[in-house]
Amino acid sequence: MRRDALLLLLLAAAACTGRGAAPAVPIDLVALFDSADKRPPRAFSVRDAAFENGTLRGIVAAVPSRITWRVRIPRRATLRTAFGIEPEGWRELGDGVVFRLGISDRRTYETLLSQRLDAPVSQGDRGWRRVSVDLSRFAGWQWSLFYHPSATLWEIIFSIDGSPAPGIDRVEAVWGAPAIEVVR
């Protein structure tokens, strides 16, 4: 009887770890653009953006702005993206631009990345800045009665803050190829 109970417990534990589950597919946030919450609504567009170190499909956003996706985070997930400022803003950005990545469960907010680009943008900063953020603590199974990250619909928040220099109507920033990928 004890051996049967131990076997049952081991099988239950293996089921909770997600073994045998279908492999998670990447979450392409550009493909989910239409379902994202955009603030202000008309501040965004999707297009290919070319910088000195390559071209990426991206989300072009006016400064300031915020875009939020609601997703379930797969186990062993990493958020990968790149960011940059459109060439028109390289010379005069005012106070600069701050790129932020965050995550929220609608009760708490955690900053995952905060990085400033100042004007004038130097030669070395005119390309894509690539970032990778580990999201594994926001997924999977936890020993808790109340915290169930795999059942949580997380808000992934990309925001851009800053102000254009006097005489500049609009500065645009770009999030390049944002996606949540599973790292094996």
C-alpha atoms as a PDB file:
ATOM      1  CA  MET A   1       0.000   0.000   0.000  1.00  0.00           C
ATOM      2  CA  ARG A   2       2.804   2.419   0.867  1.00  0.00           C
ATOM      3  CA  ARG A   3       4.615   1.702  -2.357  1.00  0.00           C
ATOM      4  CA  ASP A   4       1.434   2.392  -4.368  1.00  0.00           C
ATOM      5  CA  ALA A   5       0.954   5.702  -2.563  1.00  0.00           C
ATOM      6  CA  LEU A   6       4.576   6.693  -3.245  1.00  0.00           C
ATOM      7  CA  LEU A   7       4.217   5.794  -6.926  1.00  0.00           C
ATOM      8  CA  LEU A   8       1.022   7.838  -7.162  1.00  0.00           C
ATOM      9  CA  LEU A   9       2.749  10.797  -5.491  1.00  0.00           C
ATOM     10  CA  LEU A  10       5.687  10.605  -7.934  1.00  0.00           C
ATOM     11  CA  LEU A  11       3.334  10.476 -10.929  1.00  0.00           C
ATOM     12  CA  ALA A  12       1.406  13.483  -9.622  1.00  0.00           C
ATOM     13  CA  ALA A  13       4.651  15.440  -9.108  1.00  0.00           C
ATOM     14  CA  ALA A  14       5.803  14.642 -12.652  1.00  0.00           C
ATOM     15  CA  ALA A  15       2.460  15.831 -14.022  1.00  0.00           C
ATOM     16  CA  CYS A  16       2.780  19.124 -12.122  1.00  0.00           C
ATOM     17  CA  THR A  17       6.201  19.875 -13.600  1.00  0.00           C
ATOM     18  CA  GLY A  18       4.732  19.876 -17.090  1.00  0.00           C
ATOM     19  CA  ARG A  19       6.759  16.957 -18.451  1.00  0.00           C
ATOM     20  CA  GLY A  20       5.214  15.490 -21.528  1.00  0.00           C
ATOM     21  CA  ALA A  21       3.465  18.757 -22.371  1.00  0.00           C
ATOM     22  CA  ALA A  22       3.586  20.030 -25.923  1.00  0.00           C
ATOM     23  CA  PRO A  23       6.568  22.290 -26.577  1.00  0.00           C
ATOM     24  CA  ALA A  24       5.749  25.973 -26.211  1.00  0.00           C
ATOM     25  CA  VAL A  25       5.804  28.026 -29.386  1.00  0.00           C
ATOM     26  CA  PRO A  26       7.257  31.538 -29.407  1.00  0.00           C
ATOM     27  CA  ILE A  27       4.844  34.390 -28.796  1.00  0.00           C
ATOM     28  CA  ASP A  28       5.371  36.953 -31.553  1.00  0.00           C
ATOM     29  CA  LEU A  29       4.214  40.250 -30.052  1.00  0.00           C
ATOM     30  CA  VAL A  30       4.232  41.981 -33.455  1.00  0.00           C
ATOM     31  CA  ALA A  31       1.717  39.369 -34.679  1.00  0.00           C
ATOM     32  CA  LEU A  32      -0.442  40.201 -31.626  1.00  0.00           C
ATOM     33  CA  PHE A  33      -0.246  43.954 -32.299  1.00  0.00           C
ATOM     34  CA  ASP A  34      -3.976  44.351 -33.051  1.00  0.00           C
ATOM     35  CA  SER A  35      -4.989  42.795 -29.711  1.00  0.00           C
ATOM     36  CA  ALA A  36      -2.605  44.918 -27.616  1.00  0.00           C
ATOM     37  CA  ASP A  37      -3.759  47.864 -25.516  1.00  0.00           C
ATOM     38  CA  LYS A  38      -2.149  50.987 -27.020  1.00  0.00           C
ATOM     39  CA  ARG A  39      -1.871  54.344 -25.235  1.00  0.00           C
ATOM     40  CA  PRO A  40      -2.421  56.669 -27.008  1.00  0.00           C
ATOM     41  CA  PRO A  41      -4.253  54.489 -29.540  1.00  0.00           C
ATOM     42  CA  ARG A  42      -2.953  56.185 -32.702  1.00  0.00           C
ATOM     43  CA  ALA A  43       0.683  56.446 -31.596  1.00  0.00           C
ATOM     44  CA  PHE A  44       1.758  53.091 -33.079  1.00  0.00           C
ATOM     45  CA  SER A  45       2.382  51.373 -36.390  1.00  0.00           C
ATOM     46  CA  VAL A  46       4.050  48.158 -37.560  1.00  0.00           C
ATOM     47  CA  ARG A  47       6.744  48.208 -40.240  1.00  0.00           C
ATOM     48  CA  ASP A  48      10.303  47.195 -41.044  1.00  0.00           C
ATOM     49  CA  ALA A  49      12.813  49.532 -39.410  1.00  0.00           C
ATOM     50  CA  ALA A  50      16.381  49.815 -40.674  1.00  0.00           C
ATOM     51  CA  PHE A  51      19.244  50.943 -38.462  1.00  0.00           C
ATOM     52  CA  GLU A  52      22.997  50.805 -38.979  1.00  0.00           C
ATOM     53  CA  ASN A  53      23.199  47.222 -37.667  1.00  0.00           C
ATOM     54  CA  GLY A  54      20.269  45.662 -39.487  1.00  0.00           C
ATOM     55  CA  THR A  55      16.580  45.689 -40.333  1.00  0.00           C
ATOM     56  CA  LEU A  56      13.884  44.262 -38.051  1.00  0.00           C
ATOM     57  CA  ARG A  57      10.094  44.062 -38.232  1.00  0.00           C
ATOM     58  CA  GLY A  58       9.051  46.347 -35.438  1.00  0.00           C
ATOM     59  CA  ILE A  59       6.533  48.492 -33.663  1.00  0.00           C
ATOM     60  CA  VAL A  60       7.099  52.186 -34.226  1.00  0.00           C
ATOM     61  CA  ALA A  61       5.854  54.298 -31.324  1.00  0.00           C
ATOM     62  CA  ALA A  62       5.533  58.003 -30.658  1.00  0.00           C
ATOM     63  CA  VAL A  63       7.261  59.330 -27.550  1.00  0.00           C
ATOM     64  CA  PRO A  64       5.680  59.102 -24.945  1.00  0.00           C
ATOM     65  CA  SER A  65       3.574  55.939 -25.307  1.00  0.00           C
ATOM     66  CA  ARG A  66       2.791  52.527 -23.836  1.00  0.00           C
ATOM     67  CA  ILE A  67       1.689  49.213 -25.361  1.00  0.00           C
ATOM     68  CA  THR A  68       0.509  46.228 -23.301  1.00  0.00           C
ATOM     69  CA  TRP A  69      -0.087  42.591 -24.217  1.00  0.00           C
ATOM     70  CA  ARG A  70      -1.876  40.037 -21.996  1.00  0.00           C
ATOM     71  CA  VAL A  71      -0.261  36.602 -22.326  1.00  0.00           C
ATOM     72  CA  ARG A  72       0.460  33.403 -20.440  1.00  0.00           C
ATOM     73  CA  ILE A  73       4.189  32.985 -19.997  1.00  0.00           C
ATOM     74  CA  PRO A  74       5.535  29.554 -21.033  1.00  0.00           C
ATOM     75  CA  ARG A  75       8.095  27.745 -18.881  1.00  0.00           C
ATOM     76  CA  ARG A  76      11.744  28.715 -19.489  1.00  0.00           C
ATOM     77  CA  ALA A  77      10.639  31.863 -21.324  1.00  0.00           C
ATOM     78  CA  THR A  78      12.807  34.770 -22.356  1.00  0.00           C
ATOM     79  CA  LEU A  79      11.581  38.118 -23.654  1.00  0.00           C
ATOM     80  CA  ARG A  80      13.740  39.217 -26.574  1.00  0.00           C
ATOM     81  CA  THR A  81      13.534  42.539 -28.344  1.00  0.00           C
ATOM     82  CA  ALA A  82      15.640  45.382 -29.640  1.00  0.00           C
ATOM     83  CA  PHE A  83      15.027  49.098 -29.434  1.00  0.00           C
ATOM     84  CA  GLY A  84      16.222  52.282 -31.070  1.00  0.00           C
ATOM     85  CA  ILE A  85      15.290  55.803 -32.070  1.00  0.00           C
ATOM     86  CA  GLU A  86      14.365  56.749 -35.616  1.00  0.00           C
ATOM     87  CA  PRO A  87      17.131  58.766 -37.372  1.00  0.00           C
ATOM     88  CA  GLU A  88      15.133  62.016 -37.287  1.00  0.00           C
ATOM     89  CA  GLY A  89      15.519  62.021 -33.487  1.00  0.00           C
ATOM     90  CA  TRP A  90      19.262  61.352 -33.377  1.00  0.00           C
ATOM     91  CA  ARG A  91      20.257  65.010 -33.218  1.00  0.00           C
ATOM     92  CA  GLU A  92      17.653  66.533 -30.933  1.00  0.00           C
ATOM     93  CA  LEU A  93      15.710  64.510 -28.375  1.00  0.00           C
ATOM     94  CA  GLY A  94      15.129  67.063 -25.665  1.00  0.00           C
ATOM     95  CA  ASP A  95      15.571  65.207 -22.372  1.00  0.00           C
ATOM     96  CA  GLY A  96      16.251  61.899 -24.100  1.00  0.00           C
ATOM     97  CA  VAL A  97      14.110  58.804 -24.317  1.00  0.00           C
ATOM     98  CA  VAL A  98      13.665  56.131 -21.645  1.00  0.00           C
ATOM     99  CA  PHE A  99      12.724  52.627 -22.829  1.00  0.00           C
ATOM    100  CA  ARG A 100      11.027  50.471 -20.187  1.00  0.00           C
ATOM    101  CA  LEU A 101       9.917  46.853 -20.122  1.00  0.00           C
ATOM    102  CA  GLY A 102       7.680  45.692 -17.306  1.00  0.00           C
ATOM    103  CA  ILE A 103       5.386  42.905 -16.207  1.00  0.00           C
ATOM    104  CA  SER A 104       2.223  43.024 -14.147  1.00  0.00           C
ATOM    105  CA  ASP A 105      -0.372  40.642 -12.776  1.00  0.00           C
ATOM    106  CA  ARG A 106      -2.775  43.605 -12.420  1.00  0.00           C
ATOM    107  CA  ARG A 107      -1.917  43.838  -8.709  1.00  0.00           C
ATOM    108  CA  THR A 108       1.800  44.532  -8.849  1.00  0.00           C
ATOM    109  CA  TYR A 109       4.192  45.907 -11.444  1.00  0.00           C
ATOM    110  CA  GLU A 110       7.842  44.973 -11.838  1.00  0.00           C
ATOM    111  CA  THR A 111      10.334  46.803 -14.035  1.00  0.00           C
ATOM    112  CA  LEU A 112      12.355  44.358 -16.116  1.00  0.00           C
ATOM    113  CA  LEU A 113      14.435  46.947 -18.000  1.00  0.00           C
ATOM    114  CA  SER A 114      14.875  50.711 -17.963  1.00  0.00           C
ATOM    115  CA  GLN A 115      17.364  52.316 -20.334  1.00  0.00           C
ATOM    116  CA  ARG A 116      17.863  55.926 -21.444  1.00  0.00           C
ATOM    117  CA  LEU A 117      19.140  57.199 -24.784  1.00  0.00           C
ATOM    118  CA  ASP A 118      20.199  60.838 -24.731  1.00  0.00           C
ATOM    119  CA  ALA A 119      20.589  63.373 -27.514  1.00  0.00           C
ATOM    120  CA  PRO A 120      22.605  63.748 -29.494  1.00  0.00           C
ATOM    121  CA  VAL A 121      22.673  60.028 -30.158  1.00  0.00           C
ATOM    122  CA  SER A 122      26.317  59.021 -30.555  1.00  0.00           C
ATOM    123  CA  GLN A 123      27.536  57.040 -33.544  1.00  0.00           C
ATOM    124  CA  GLY A 124      27.693  53.813 -31.497  1.00  0.00           C
ATOM    125  CA  ASP A 125      24.082  54.141 -30.284  1.00  0.00           C
ATOM    126  CA  ARG A 126      22.465  54.577 -33.702  1.00  0.00           C
ATOM    127  CA  GLY A 127      21.828  50.882 -34.168  1.00  0.00           C
ATOM    128  CA  TRP A 128      19.544  48.387 -32.490  1.00  0.00           C
ATOM    129  CA  ARG A 129      20.146  47.780 -28.801  1.00  0.00           C
ATOM    130  CA  ARG A 130      19.262  44.141 -28.268  1.00  0.00           C
ATOM    131  CA  VAL A 131      17.934  42.932 -24.930  1.00  0.00           C
ATOM    132  CA  SER A 132      16.987  39.587 -23.468  1.00  0.00           C
ATOM    133  CA  VAL A 133      15.066  39.270 -20.186  1.00  0.00           C
ATOM    134  CA  ASP A 134      14.516  35.993 -18.312  1.00  0.00           C
ATOM    135  CA  LEU A 135      10.793  35.460 -17.572  1.00  0.00           C
ATOM    136  CA  SER A 136      11.088  31.989 -16.024  1.00  0.00           C
ATOM    137  CA  ARG A 137       9.970  33.121 -12.554  1.00  0.00           C
ATOM    138  CA  PHE A 138       6.645  34.227 -14.069  1.00  0.00           C
ATOM    139  CA  ALA A 139       5.786  30.746 -15.384  1.00  0.00           C
ATOM    140  CA  GLY A 140       5.682  27.136 -14.380  1.00  0.00           C
ATOM    141  CA  TRP A 141       4.601  25.549 -11.163  1.00  0.00           C
ATOM    142  CA  GLN A 142       5.391  26.865  -7.653  1.00  0.00           C
ATOM    143  CA  TRP A 143       4.964  25.321  -4.203  1.00  0.00           C
ATOM    144  CA  SER A 144       2.281  27.784  -3.121  1.00  0.00           C
ATOM    145  CA  LEU A 145      -1.394  27.812  -2.296  1.00  0.00           C
ATOM    146  CA  PHE A 146      -1.868  31.270  -3.765  1.00  0.00           C
ATOM    147  CA  TYR A 147       0.831  31.968  -6.381  1.00  0.00           C
ATOM    148  CA  HIS A 148       0.224  30.105  -9.650  1.00  0.00           C
ATOM    149  CA  PRO A 149       2.263  31.842 -12.369  1.00  0.00           C
ATOM    150  CA  SER A 150       1.349  29.369 -15.104  1.00  0.00           C
ATOM    151  CA  ALA A 151      -2.345  30.169 -14.573  1.00  0.00           C
ATOM    152  CA  THR A 152      -1.792  33.945 -14.533  1.00  0.00           C
ATOM    153  CA  LEU A 153      -2.554  36.098 -17.542  1.00  0.00           C
ATOM    154  CA  TRP A 154       0.427  38.477 -17.363  1.00  0.00           C
ATOM    155  CA  GLU A 155       0.586  41.977 -18.791  1.00  0.00           C
ATOM    156  CA  ILE A 156       3.793  42.595 -20.726  1.00  0.00           C
ATOM    157  CA  ILE A 157       4.282  46.372 -20.884  1.00  0.00           C
ATOM    158  CA  PHE A 158       6.567  48.276 -23.257  1.00  0.00           C
ATOM    159  CA  SER A 159       6.698  52.005 -22.532  1.00  0.00           C
ATOM    160  CA  ILE A 160       8.668  54.921 -23.877  1.00  0.00           C
ATOM    161  CA  ASP A 161       8.983  58.183 -21.957  1.00  0.00           C
ATOM    162  CA  GLY A 162      10.592  61.449 -22.960  1.00  0.00           C
ATOM    163  CA  SER A 163       9.917  64.743 -24.603  1.00  0.00           C
ATOM    164  CA  PRO A 164      11.028  66.143 -27.947  1.00  0.00           C
ATOM    165  CA  ALA A 165      13.353  69.122 -28.098  1.00  0.00           C
ATOM    166  CA  PRO A 166      11.749  72.549 -28.698  1.00  0.00           C
ATOM    167  CA  GLY A 167      10.693  72.855 -32.324  1.00  0.00           C
ATOM    168  CA  ILE A 168      10.492  69.064 -32.848  1.00  0.00           C
ATOM    169  CA  ASP A 169       6.901  67.884 -33.289  1.00  0.00           C
ATOM    170  CA  ARG A 170       7.371  64.170 -32.834  1.00  0.00           C
ATOM    171  CA  VAL A 171      10.099  61.665 -31.994  1.00  0.00           C
ATOM    172  CA  GLU A 172       9.547  58.030 -32.873  1.00  0.00           C
ATOM    173  CA  ALA A 173      11.130  55.055 -31.185  1.00  0.00           C
ATOM    174  CA  VAL A 174      11.025  51.452 -32.345  1.00  0.00           C
ATOM    175  CA  TRP A 175      10.685  48.115 -30.564  1.00  0.00           C
ATOM    176  CA  GLY A 176      12.293  45.590 -32.914  1.00  0.00           C
ATOM    177  CA  ALA A 177      11.033  42.010 -33.262  1.00  0.00           C
ATOM    178  CA  PRO A 178       9.567  41.688 -29.740  1.00  0.00           C
ATOM    179  CA  ALA A 179       8.849  38.055 -28.849  1.00  0.00           C
ATOM    180  CA  ILE A 180       8.663  35.680 -25.932  1.00  0.00           C
ATOM    181  CA  GLU A 181      10.743  32.607 -26.693  1.00  0.00           C
ATOM    182  CA  VAL A 182      11.324  29.336 -24.900  1.00  0.00           C
ATOM    183  CA  VAL A 183      14.946  28.596 -24.068  1.00  0.00           C
ATOM    184  CA  ARG A 184      15.790  24.898 -24.068  1.00  0.00           C
END
